[in-house]
């Protein structure tokens, strides 16, 4: 792998006590081009602007996918990557759905490891902070034709981050919408496609104007069944069961979602992946069986939900504090990520940066 080191780091300009999510970028990035039916020479180079033509196909036809993962400070000279193989598996699933080339595991892991070694000083040291990793692939052929591109660019950039939501670890508020839908079965809802997010901005913006953090998406056919939040999967602790919507092609198969289910089952808690209607959620709140609601995703890890609005009705959980189960889940996942507890699941990929 060709490596060109940055001659002047920008890290001295960064205040790690005031990190915004996704605003600051580390010194290096990875890039590789797909051309003539094969990936070309991989390269790490200083982070900076890239050039492209206005006829680049990604701009016109939307072939663009990405991933979001994190690296965690785990002691002097060690960084922990959380489930990188699973993230690549999901990236490749997205690539297949959008007729894009798959990335090789060996190239992906080597790229991550070399970036961690080069930009280790950029990994935040505080609990609750991490180095966010953004792999992204897009069609780069110069051609105005509605067809599959013959060329692609793949980049990995990294960014030191703190909490994703402005609320930090405080409960967020959600609202449903009868006007918009996120995905239909057979569409691209289960892919991490750029267009999925672009289409969600208007409803999220409208939710924000009404004082809500995000949209709680319902199914596109009946506007009845809960699917996910715009930036995370959703969980309901009802009685002694942990319930989350089933993966049926419209919900992003979250890596943190998978981790939550595995941990809960290992703790002996009954879990259900099934359709759950918004009416069932409100009914369980009214009957007193709804104990907690929380979201799970790479950016926020675990995000408590304090309020849900639906068609003029509102249910309020604890709007000030995270619930005990969500807290237990957050501590279990983050203690693995930061190397505080032994990884018995095979989720941690340690990188020696010494």
Protein backbone atom coordinates (compact mmCIF):
# COMPACT_ATOMS: atom_id res chain seq x y z
CA UNK A 1 0.00 0.00 0.00
CA UNK A 2 1.37 3.38 -1.02
CA UNK A 3 1.55 5.81 1.92
CA UNK A 4 2.20 9.54 1.60
CA UNK A 5 2.49 11.18 4.99
CA UNK A 6 1.22 14.63 5.82
CA UNK A 7 4.07 17.08 6.24
CA UNK A 8 2.20 19.30 8.70
CA UNK A 9 -0.42 18.05 11.16
CA UNK A 10 -3.46 20.22 11.97
CA UNK A 11 -4.01 18.61 15.36
CA UNK A 12 -2.55 21.50 17.34
CA UNK A 13 -5.51 23.63 16.21
CA UNK A 14 -8.09 21.21 17.64
CA UNK A 15 -9.80 21.64 21.01
CA UNK A 16 -10.66 18.07 22.00
CA UNK A 17 -12.83 19.39 24.85
CA UNK A 18 -15.24 20.96 22.35
CA UNK A 19 -15.68 18.40 19.61
CA UNK A 20 -18.64 18.59 17.25
CA UNK A 21 -19.77 15.44 15.50
CA UNK A 22 -18.39 15.27 11.97
CA UNK A 23 -16.85 18.74 11.78
CA UNK A 24 -13.14 17.96 12.21
CA UNK A 25 -11.08 15.57 10.08
CA UNK A 26 -7.82 13.81 10.75
CA UNK A 27 -4.57 14.23 8.83
CA UNK A 28 -4.86 11.28 6.45
CA UNK A 29 -7.35 9.45 4.25
CA UNK A 30 -7.44 6.24 2.26
CA UNK A 31 -8.41 6.05 -1.40
CA UNK A 32 -8.66 3.42 -4.09
CA UNK A 33 -10.17 3.39 -7.58
CA UNK A 34 -12.17 0.65 -9.27
CA UNK A 35 -11.47 0.57 -13.01
CA UNK A 36 -11.39 -2.04 -15.80
CA UNK A 37 -13.18 -4.55 -13.58
CA UNK A 38 -10.72 -4.47 -10.68
CA UNK A 39 -9.59 -2.38 -7.72
CA UNK A 40 -6.37 -0.52 -8.48
CA UNK A 41 -3.46 0.36 -6.18
CA UNK A 42 -4.57 1.41 -2.67
CA UNK A 43 -3.16 4.60 -1.26
CA UNK A 44 -3.10 6.63 1.95
CA UNK A 45 -2.47 10.33 1.50
CA UNK A 46 -3.00 13.62 3.36
CA UNK A 47 -6.66 14.52 3.90
CA UNK A 48 -7.77 17.15 1.42
CA UNK A 49 -9.98 18.14 -1.46
CA UNK A 50 -10.65 15.81 -4.39
CA UNK A 51 -11.45 16.83 -7.96
CA UNK A 52 -14.17 15.47 -10.20
CA UNK A 53 -16.08 16.45 -13.33
CA UNK A 54 -19.67 17.72 -13.30
CA UNK A 55 -20.57 14.70 -15.44
CA UNK A 56 -19.54 12.28 -12.66
CA UNK A 57 -22.31 9.69 -12.52
CA UNK A 58 -22.82 9.69 -8.74
CA UNK A 59 -24.07 13.28 -8.98
CA UNK A 60 -26.73 12.35 -11.53
CA UNK A 61 -27.80 8.79 -10.75
CA UNK A 62 -27.13 8.37 -7.05
CA UNK A 63 -24.77 5.40 -6.91
CA UNK A 64 -23.28 6.24 -3.51
CA UNK A 65 -23.04 4.21 -0.31
CA UNK A 66 -21.22 4.61 2.98
CA UNK A 67 -20.58 3.12 6.40
CA UNK A 68 -20.13 4.56 9.86
CA UNK A 69 -17.92 2.92 12.46
CA UNK A 70 -15.63 3.96 15.30
CA UNK A 71 -12.18 3.46 16.79
CA UNK A 72 -11.70 3.76 20.56
CA UNK A 73 -8.73 4.66 22.72
CA UNK A 74 -7.90 1.52 24.68
CA UNK A 75 -4.72 2.51 26.46
CA UNK A 76 -1.28 3.67 25.45
CA UNK A 77 -0.44 2.53 21.90
CA UNK A 78 -3.68 0.60 21.36
CA UNK A 79 -6.83 1.41 19.42
CA UNK A 80 -9.92 -0.80 19.31
CA UNK A 81 -11.97 -1.08 16.14
CA UNK A 82 -15.52 -2.26 16.84
CA UNK A 83 -16.81 -5.03 14.56
CA UNK A 84 -15.03 -3.89 11.35
CA UNK A 85 -15.75 -7.17 9.56
CA UNK A 86 -19.48 -6.70 10.17
CA UNK A 87 -19.33 -3.16 8.85
CA UNK A 88 -17.63 -4.35 5.68
CA UNK A 89 -20.24 -7.09 5.29
CA UNK A 90 -22.98 -4.45 5.44
CA UNK A 91 -21.05 -2.18 3.04
CA UNK A 92 -20.80 -5.02 0.56
CA UNK A 93 -24.51 -5.78 0.96
CA UNK A 94 -25.20 -2.14 0.10
CA UNK A 95 -22.82 -2.36 -2.85
CA UNK A 96 -24.62 -5.38 -4.28
CA UNK A 97 -27.98 -3.65 -3.99
CA UNK A 98 -26.70 -0.63 -5.95
CA UNK A 99 -24.70 -2.66 -8.51
CA UNK A 100 -21.37 -1.48 -7.12
CA UNK A 101 -18.16 -3.51 -6.63
CA UNK A 102 -17.50 -5.20 -3.32
CA UNK A 103 -14.47 -4.31 -1.23
CA UNK A 104 -11.96 -6.98 -0.19
CA UNK A 105 -11.66 -7.61 3.55
CA UNK A 106 -7.85 -7.70 3.55
CA UNK A 107 -7.61 -4.30 1.82
CA UNK A 108 -10.23 -2.80 4.12
CA UNK A 109 -8.57 -4.00 7.33
CA UNK A 110 -5.09 -2.98 6.18
CA UNK A 111 -6.38 0.48 5.31
CA UNK A 112 -7.99 0.88 8.73
CA UNK A 113 -4.90 -0.34 10.57
CA UNK A 114 -2.55 1.97 8.66
CA UNK A 115 -4.84 4.95 9.20
CA UNK A 116 -4.95 4.20 12.94
CA UNK A 117 -1.17 4.06 13.11
CA UNK A 118 -0.76 7.33 11.22
CA UNK A 119 -3.52 9.25 13.00
CA UNK A 120 -3.35 7.72 16.47
CA UNK A 121 -2.96 11.16 18.12
CA UNK A 122 -6.39 12.05 16.70
CA UNK A 123 -8.14 9.30 18.69
CA UNK A 124 -9.85 11.12 21.60
CA UNK A 125 -8.89 9.92 25.08
CA UNK A 126 -12.12 10.66 26.95
CA UNK A 127 -14.88 8.13 27.57
CA UNK A 128 -17.82 9.13 25.40
CA UNK A 129 -15.55 10.29 22.59
CA UNK A 130 -14.12 8.27 19.71
CA UNK A 131 -12.58 8.47 16.26
CA UNK A 132 -15.46 8.18 13.81
CA UNK A 133 -14.59 6.28 10.62
CA UNK A 134 -16.45 6.98 7.38
CA UNK A 135 -15.89 4.62 4.44
CA UNK A 136 -17.66 5.91 1.32
CA UNK A 137 -17.96 4.64 -2.25
CA UNK A 138 -19.43 6.45 -5.24
CA UNK A 139 -19.71 6.15 -9.03
CA UNK A 140 -16.98 8.26 -10.64
CA UNK A 141 -17.32 7.53 -14.36
CA UNK A 142 -17.85 10.64 -16.51
CA UNK A 143 -20.95 9.70 -18.47
CA UNK A 144 -24.49 11.06 -18.72
CA UNK A 145 -26.39 7.79 -19.10
CA UNK A 146 -28.75 6.07 -16.68
CA UNK A 147 -26.70 2.92 -16.32
CA UNK A 148 -24.30 1.22 -13.94
CA UNK A 149 -21.01 3.07 -13.71
CA UNK A 150 -17.82 1.42 -14.90
CA UNK A 151 -15.63 3.31 -12.39
CA UNK A 152 -15.82 3.93 -8.65
CA UNK A 153 -13.91 5.78 -5.96
CA UNK A 154 -13.63 4.46 -2.42
CA UNK A 155 -12.40 6.62 0.46
CA UNK A 156 -11.99 6.24 4.20
CA UNK A 157 -11.87 9.45 6.23
CA UNK A 158 -11.78 9.79 10.01
CA UNK A 159 -13.07 12.38 12.46
CA UNK A 160 -12.67 12.79 16.24
CA UNK A 161 -16.17 13.09 17.71
CA UNK A 162 -18.13 13.51 20.90
CA UNK A 163 -21.87 12.84 21.33
CA UNK A 164 -23.97 12.69 18.17
CA UNK A 165 -27.13 14.35 19.45
CA UNK A 166 -27.08 17.85 20.91
CA UNK A 167 -28.90 16.42 23.93
CA UNK A 168 -25.79 14.39 24.67
CA UNK A 169 -26.85 11.44 26.80
CA UNK A 170 -30.16 12.99 27.77
CA UNK A 171 -33.39 11.46 26.41
CA UNK A 172 -34.38 12.48 22.87
CA UNK A 173 -37.89 13.19 21.58
CA UNK A 174 -39.43 11.53 18.51
CA UNK A 175 -42.45 12.11 16.32
CA UNK A 176 -44.14 10.03 13.64
CA UNK A 177 -45.24 11.48 10.30
CA UNK A 178 -48.27 10.73 8.13
CA UNK A 179 -46.87 12.70 5.21
CA UNK A 180 -43.57 10.99 4.47
CA UNK A 181 -42.18 7.45 4.36
CA UNK A 182 -38.59 6.27 4.50
CA UNK A 183 -38.58 2.97 2.62
CA UNK A 184 -40.74 0.27 1.04
CA UNK A 185 -40.06 -3.43 0.81
CA UNK A 186 -37.98 -4.12 -2.27
CA UNK A 187 -36.44 -0.64 -2.17
CA UNK A 188 -33.09 0.42 -0.77
CA UNK A 189 -34.09 0.77 2.88
CA UNK A 190 -31.77 -1.99 4.05
CA UNK A 191 -28.79 -0.46 2.19
CA UNK A 192 -26.74 2.39 3.62
CA UNK A 193 -27.34 4.41 0.48
CA UNK A 194 -26.75 8.16 0.42
CA UNK A 195 -30.14 8.86 -1.15
CA UNK A 196 -31.97 7.32 1.80
CA UNK A 197 -30.64 10.09 4.00
CA UNK A 198 -31.18 12.89 1.51
CA UNK A 199 -34.85 11.95 1.28
CA UNK A 200 -35.22 12.04 5.06
CA UNK A 201 -33.94 15.58 5.59
CA UNK A 202 -37.21 17.42 4.92
CA UNK A 203 -39.30 15.39 7.39
CA UNK A 204 -36.49 15.58 9.95
CA UNK A 205 -36.33 19.33 9.45
CA UNK A 206 -40.08 19.63 9.98
CA UNK A 207 -39.84 17.47 13.11
CA UNK A 208 -37.11 19.78 14.41
CA UNK A 209 -39.29 22.84 13.91
CA UNK A 210 -41.88 21.21 16.15
CA UNK A 211 -39.32 20.59 18.87
CA UNK A 212 -38.49 16.93 18.20
CA UNK A 213 -35.05 15.40 17.78
CA UNK A 214 -35.88 12.96 14.99
CA UNK A 215 -38.62 11.15 13.07
CA UNK A 216 -39.85 7.75 14.22
CA UNK A 217 -40.56 6.11 10.88
CA UNK A 218 -43.63 3.96 10.32
CA UNK A 219 -44.13 1.42 7.54
CA UNK A 220 -44.89 2.87 4.12
CA UNK A 221 -48.02 0.81 3.36
CA UNK A 222 -50.20 1.24 6.44
CA UNK A 223 -48.38 3.89 8.48
CA UNK A 224 -48.98 1.55 11.38
CA UNK A 225 -45.86 -0.39 12.28
CA UNK A 226 -42.72 1.11 13.78
CA UNK A 227 -39.59 0.70 11.67
CA UNK A 228 -36.65 2.83 12.81
CA UNK A 229 -35.45 6.32 13.66
CA UNK A 230 -33.59 8.31 11.03
CA UNK A 231 -30.18 7.67 12.58
CA UNK A 232 -30.67 4.55 14.70
CA UNK A 233 -32.65 1.37 15.27
CA UNK A 234 -35.33 1.44 17.95
CA UNK A 235 -35.96 -0.83 20.96
CA UNK A 236 -38.90 -1.18 23.35
CA UNK A 237 -38.58 -2.84 26.75
CA UNK A 238 -42.13 -4.01 27.43
CA UNK A 239 -42.57 -6.09 30.55
CA UNK A 240 -39.69 -8.57 30.50
CA UNK A 241 -39.25 -8.57 26.72
CA UNK A 242 -36.96 -6.49 24.54
CA UNK A 243 -38.72 -5.85 21.23
CA UNK A 244 -37.33 -4.35 18.02
CA UNK A 245 -38.77 -4.21 14.49
CA UNK A 246 -37.99 -7.17 12.28
CA UNK A 247 -35.58 -6.80 9.36
CA UNK A 248 -37.76 -7.15 6.27
CA UNK A 249 -35.86 -5.07 3.74
CA UNK A 250 -36.99 -1.64 4.93
CA UNK A 251 -34.90 -1.30 8.08
CA UNK A 252 -31.13 -0.79 8.17
CA UNK A 253 -29.52 -3.86 9.81
CA UNK A 254 -27.60 -1.98 12.48
CA UNK A 255 -24.35 -3.35 13.88
CA UNK A 256 -25.15 -1.88 17.30
CA UNK A 257 -28.66 -3.36 16.96
CA UNK A 258 -27.08 -6.78 16.51
CA UNK A 259 -24.85 -6.18 19.53
CA UNK A 260 -27.79 -5.16 21.74
CA UNK A 261 -29.73 -8.30 20.84
CA UNK A 262 -26.73 -10.55 21.51
CA UNK A 263 -26.03 -8.99 24.90
CA UNK A 264 -29.67 -9.07 25.97
CA UNK A 265 -29.99 -12.75 25.08
CA UNK A 266 -26.80 -13.60 26.92
CA UNK A 267 -28.24 -11.86 29.98
CA UNK A 268 -31.24 -14.17 29.79
CA UNK A 269 -33.70 -11.56 28.55
CA UNK A 270 -36.31 -12.65 26.04
CA UNK A 271 -35.96 -10.74 22.76
CA UNK A 272 -38.40 -10.42 19.89
CA UNK A 273 -37.73 -9.21 16.36
CA UNK A 274 -41.22 -8.63 15.03
CA UNK A 275 -43.71 -6.11 13.80
CA UNK A 276 -44.73 -3.72 16.54
CA UNK A 277 -47.43 -1.15 15.89
CA UNK A 278 -47.29 2.38 17.20
CA UNK A 279 -50.66 1.67 18.85
CA UNK A 280 -49.11 -1.22 20.77
CA UNK A 281 -46.39 1.11 22.00
CA UNK A 282 -48.94 3.64 23.27
CA UNK A 283 -51.17 0.92 24.74
CA UNK A 284 -48.23 -0.55 26.65
CA UNK A 285 -47.41 2.89 28.01
CA UNK A 286 -51.01 3.35 29.12
CA UNK A 287 -51.07 -0.05 30.82
CA UNK A 288 -47.76 0.60 32.56
CA UNK A 289 -45.86 -2.26 30.89
CA UNK A 290 -43.66 -0.03 28.72
CA UNK A 291 -40.52 0.32 30.80
CA UNK A 292 -38.02 1.91 28.43
CA UNK A 293 -37.51 3.04 24.84
CA UNK A 294 -34.05 3.60 23.40
CA UNK A 295 -32.26 3.81 20.09
CA UNK A 296 -29.07 2.02 19.08
CA UNK A 297 -26.58 3.05 16.43
CA UNK A 298 -22.88 3.58 15.79
CA UNK A 299 -23.04 7.37 16.15
CA UNK A 300 -24.99 7.54 19.41
CA UNK A 301 -24.31 3.96 20.66
CA UNK A 302 -27.37 3.99 22.99
CA UNK A 303 -29.75 6.94 23.00
CA UNK A 304 -32.64 7.03 25.49
CA UNK A 305 -36.05 8.17 24.24
CA UNK A 306 -38.04 10.33 26.62
CA UNK A 307 -40.99 11.39 24.48
CA UNK A 308 -42.92 10.05 21.46
CA UNK A 309 -45.58 12.01 19.60
CA UNK A 310 -48.10 10.37 17.26
CA UNK A 311 -51.17 11.98 15.68
CA UNK A 312 -51.80 14.45 18.45
CA UNK A 313 -51.09 11.98 21.25
CA UNK A 314 -47.93 11.94 23.30
CA UNK A 315 -46.34 9.48 25.65
CA UNK A 316 -43.70 10.59 28.09
CA UNK A 317 -41.20 8.29 29.71
CA UNK A 318 -38.42 9.68 31.89
CA UNK A 319 -37.57 12.87 30.04
CA UNK A 320 -34.58 13.64 32.28
CA UNK A 321 -32.69 10.39 32.75
CA UNK A 322 -31.63 7.29 30.89
CA UNK A 323 -33.42 4.11 31.98
CA UNK A 324 -31.52 1.44 33.98
CA UNK A 325 -31.62 -1.16 31.20
CA UNK A 326 -30.41 1.28 28.53
CA UNK A 327 -27.67 2.40 30.90
CA UNK A 328 -26.62 -1.19 31.52
CA UNK A 329 -26.52 -1.79 27.76
CA UNK A 330 -24.54 1.38 27.11
CA UNK A 331 -21.99 0.50 29.78
CA UNK A 332 -21.65 -3.07 28.52
CA UNK A 333 -21.03 -2.00 24.92
CA UNK A 334 -18.71 0.91 25.68
CA UNK A 335 -16.69 -1.07 28.21
CA UNK A 336 -15.96 -3.56 25.43
CA UNK A 337 -15.16 -0.80 22.95
CA UNK A 338 -12.72 0.95 25.29
CA UNK A 339 -11.12 -2.32 26.40
CA UNK A 340 -12.36 -2.10 29.98
CA UNK A 341 -13.83 -5.63 29.91
CA UNK A 342 -12.75 -8.80 28.15
CA UNK A 343 -14.17 -9.31 24.68
CA UNK A 344 -15.74 -12.78 24.69
CA UNK A 345 -17.76 -12.07 21.53
CA UNK A 346 -14.96 -11.50 19.03
CA UNK A 347 -16.21 -7.99 18.28
CA UNK A 348 -13.01 -6.05 18.99
CA UNK A 349 -10.24 -5.72 16.43
CA UNK A 350 -7.27 -4.26 18.34
CA UNK A 351 -4.63 -2.26 16.52
CA UNK A 352 -1.15 -1.87 17.99
CA UNK A 353 -0.07 1.64 17.11
CA UNK A 354 3.19 1.66 19.09
